C-alpha atoms as a PDB file:
ATOM      1  CA  MET A   1      23.184  14.595  -8.741  1.00  0.00           C
ATOM      2  CA  VAL A   2      25.620  12.236  -7.172  1.00  0.00           C
ATOM      3  CA  SER A   3      28.713  11.300  -8.835  1.00  0.00           C
ATOM      4  CA  ASN A   4      28.816   7.515  -9.394  1.00  0.00           C
ATOM      5  CA  MET A   5      32.317   7.377  -7.867  1.00  0.00           C
ATOM      6  CA  HIS A   6      30.555   7.864  -4.798  1.00  0.00           C
ATOM      7  CA  LEU A   7      27.456   5.354  -4.914  1.00  0.00           C
ATOM      8  CA  ASN A   8      28.032   2.432  -2.756  1.00  0.00           C
ATOM      9  CA  HIS A   9      25.276   0.675  -1.010  1.00  0.00           C
ATOM     10  CA  ASP A  10      25.161   2.668   2.092  1.00  0.00           C
ATOM     11  CA  VAL A  11      25.046   5.915  -0.076  1.00  0.00           C
ATOM     12  CA  VAL A  12      22.314   4.736  -2.426  1.00  0.00           C
ATOM     13  CA  CYS A  13      19.947   3.184   0.489  1.00  0.00           C
ATOM     14  CA  LYS A  14      20.011   6.499   2.026  1.00  0.00           C
ATOM     15  CA  ILE A  15      19.089   8.388  -1.007  1.00  0.00           C
ATOM     16  CA  VAL A  16      16.303   5.660  -1.651  1.00  0.00           C
ATOM     17  CA  ILE A  17      15.074   6.204   1.745  1.00  0.00           C
ATOM     18  CA  GLU A  18      15.320  10.465   1.252  1.00  0.00           C
ATOM     19  CA  THR A  19      13.349  10.123  -1.904  1.00  0.00           C
ATOM     20  CA  ILE A  20      10.618   7.523  -0.624  1.00  0.00           C
ATOM     21  CA  VAL A  21      10.351  10.434   2.475  1.00  0.00           C
ATOM     22  CA  GLN A  22       9.976  13.049   0.142  1.00  0.00           C
ATOM     23  CA  TYR A  23       7.284  10.986  -1.872  1.00  0.00           C
ATOM     24  CA  LEU A  24       5.415  10.148   1.250  1.00  0.00           C
ATOM     25  CA  GLY A  25       5.656  13.027   3.309  1.00  0.00           C
ATOM     26  CA  GLU A  26       5.289  12.973   6.996  1.00  0.00           C
ATOM     27  CA  GLU A  27       3.582   9.474   6.957  1.00  0.00           C
ATOM     28  CA  GLY A  28       7.422   7.963   5.708  1.00  0.00           C
ATOM     29  CA  ALA A  29       9.066   9.746   8.450  1.00  0.00           C
ATOM     30  CA  ASP A  30       9.776   6.372  10.340  1.00  0.00           C
ATOM     31  CA  ILE A  31      11.241   4.773   7.108  1.00  0.00           C
ATOM     32  CA  HIS A  32      14.292   3.025   7.536  1.00  0.00           C
ATOM     33  CA  ASP A  33      16.269   0.353   5.155  1.00  0.00           C
ATOM     34  CA  GLU A  34      14.025  -2.997   5.782  1.00  0.00           C
ATOM     35  CA  SER A  35      10.444  -1.645   5.990  1.00  0.00           C
ATOM     36  CA  GLN A  36       8.039  -3.095   3.787  1.00  0.00           C
ATOM     37  CA  LEU A  37       6.961  -0.618   1.214  1.00  0.00           C
ATOM     38  CA  GLU A  38       3.725  -2.038   0.141  1.00  0.00           C
ATOM     39  CA  ALA A  39       2.752  -3.491   3.522  1.00  0.00           C
ATOM     40  CA  ASP A  40       3.663  -0.687   5.823  1.00  0.00           C
ATOM     41  CA  TYR A  41       3.400   2.188   3.508  1.00  0.00           C
ATOM     42  CA  GLY A  42       0.857   1.309   0.852  1.00  0.00           C
ATOM     43  CA  LEU A  43       3.405   1.914  -1.871  1.00  0.00           C
ATOM     44  CA  ASP A  44       2.158  -0.255  -4.789  1.00  0.00           C
ATOM     45  CA  SER A  45       4.142  -0.456  -8.201  1.00  0.00           C
ATOM     46  CA  THR A  46       2.757   2.126  -9.831  1.00  0.00           C
ATOM     47  CA  GLU A  47       3.978   4.722  -6.846  1.00  0.00           C
ATOM     48  CA  LEU A  48       7.003   2.931  -7.096  1.00  0.00           C
ATOM     49  CA  VAL A  49       7.668   3.942 -10.796  1.00  0.00           C
ATOM     50  CA  CYS A  50       7.240   7.865  -9.273  1.00  0.00           C
ATOM     51  CA  VAL A  51       9.854   6.982  -6.849  1.00  0.00           C
ATOM     52  CA  ALA A  52      12.087   5.734  -9.676  1.00  0.00           C
ATOM     53  CA  VAL A  53      11.575   8.349 -11.603  1.00  0.00           C
ATOM     54  CA  ASP A  54      12.882  11.013  -8.774  1.00  0.00           C
ATOM     55  CA  LEU A  55      15.801   8.278  -8.193  1.00  0.00           C
ATOM     56  CA  GLU A  56      16.813   8.657 -11.627  1.00  0.00           C
ATOM     57  CA  ARG A  57      16.815  12.261 -11.518  1.00  0.00           C
ATOM     58  CA  ARG A  58      18.898  12.245  -7.864  1.00  0.00           C
ATOM     59  CA  LEU A  59      21.255   9.602  -8.850  1.00  0.00           C
ATOM     60  CA  GLY A  60      21.729  10.814 -12.840  1.00  0.00           C
ATOM     61  CA  LEU A  61      21.029   7.067 -13.822  1.00  0.00           C
ATOM     62  CA  ASP A  62      18.694   5.303 -16.199  1.00  0.00           C
ATOM     63  CA  LEU A  63      17.060   2.935 -13.879  1.00  0.00           C
ATOM     64  CA  LYS A  64      14.384   1.495 -16.861  1.00  0.00           C
ATOM     65  CA  GLN A  65      16.198  -2.080 -16.331  1.00  0.00           C
ATOM     66  CA  ILE A  66      15.263  -2.310 -12.673  1.00  0.00           C
ATOM     67  CA  ARG A  67      11.733  -4.046 -11.619  1.00  0.00           C
ATOM     68  CA  PHE A  68      10.709  -1.764  -9.161  1.00  0.00           C
ATOM     69  CA  GLY A  69       7.334  -3.566  -8.724  1.00  0.00           C
ATOM     70  CA  GLN A  70       9.378  -6.500  -7.377  1.00  0.00           C
ATOM     71  CA  LEU A  71      11.204  -4.805  -4.820  1.00  0.00           C
ATOM     72  CA  LYS A  72       9.809  -4.615  -1.072  1.00  0.00           C
ATOM     73  CA  THR A  73      12.542  -2.561   0.904  1.00  0.00           C
ATOM     74  CA  PRO A  74      14.523   0.199   0.251  1.00  0.00           C
ATOM     75  CA  ASN A  75      17.328  -2.217   0.620  1.00  0.00           C
ATOM     76  CA  ASP A  76      16.173  -4.415  -2.330  1.00  0.00           C
ATOM     77  CA  ILE A  77      16.097  -1.157  -4.061  1.00  0.00           C
ATOM     78  CA  ALA A  78      19.522  -0.031  -3.169  1.00  0.00           C
ATOM     79  CA  ASP A  79      20.724  -3.653  -3.855  1.00  0.00           C
ATOM     80  CA  ALA A  80      19.152  -3.307  -7.485  1.00  0.00           C
ATOM     81  CA  VAL A  81      20.907  -0.091  -8.090  1.00  0.00           C
ATOM     82  CA  VAL A  82      24.529  -1.192  -6.960  1.00  0.00           C
ATOM     83  CA  ASP A  83      24.109  -4.298  -9.079  1.00  0.00           C
ATOM     84  CA  LEU A  84      23.117  -1.916 -12.293  1.00  0.00           C
ATOM     85  CA  LEU A  85      25.997   0.217 -11.338  1.00  0.00           C
ATOM     86  CA  GLY A  86      28.251  -2.961 -11.295  1.00  0.00           C
ATOM     87  CA  ARG A  87      27.314  -4.186 -14.247  1.00  0.00           C
ATOM     88  CA  ARG A  88      27.883  -1.143 -16.135  1.00  0.00           C
ATOM     89  CA  SER A  89      31.521  -0.810 -14.628  1.00  0.00           C
ATOM     90  CA  VAL A  90      32.200  -4.274 -16.058  1.00  0.00           C
ATOM     91  CA  ARG A  91      30.926  -3.407 -19.531  1.00  0.00           C
ATOM     92  CA  SER A  92      32.785  -0.307 -19.915  1.00  0.00           C
ATOM     93  CA  MET A  93      36.338  -1.784 -18.413  1.00  0.00           C
ATOM     94  CA  PRO A  94      38.856  -2.243 -21.342  1.00  0.00           C
ATOM     95  CA  ALA A  95      39.761  -5.802 -22.319  1.00  0.00           C
ATOM     96  CA  LEU A  96      43.020  -7.091 -20.331  1.00  0.00           C
ATOM     97  CA  ALA A  97      45.555  -7.756 -22.966  1.00  0.00           C
ATOM     98  CA  SER A  98      46.589 -11.292 -23.092  1.00  0.00           C
ATOM     99  CA  ALA A  99      50.637 -11.432 -21.727  1.00  0.00           C
END
């Protein structure tokens, strides 16, 4: 599991690609951040759910709010994860006291 403090877009994208390559095996060896997951690798929304479950485990995050079936590339997935992390950070920040 990766510390949330170290999860920037590049780190998340690398983990997403590693997770997809692990899921696809040799077929995914040349995957990159802008690879079209369904068009290039045949990953449909059901298979992306399997990838999402593994990502949750690897990242230590609940990713159920992300609609993986609508995401087309590893970069799209990384964007969604980073966006989710940003929303969580904002919600967990204490309110600023008014001066």
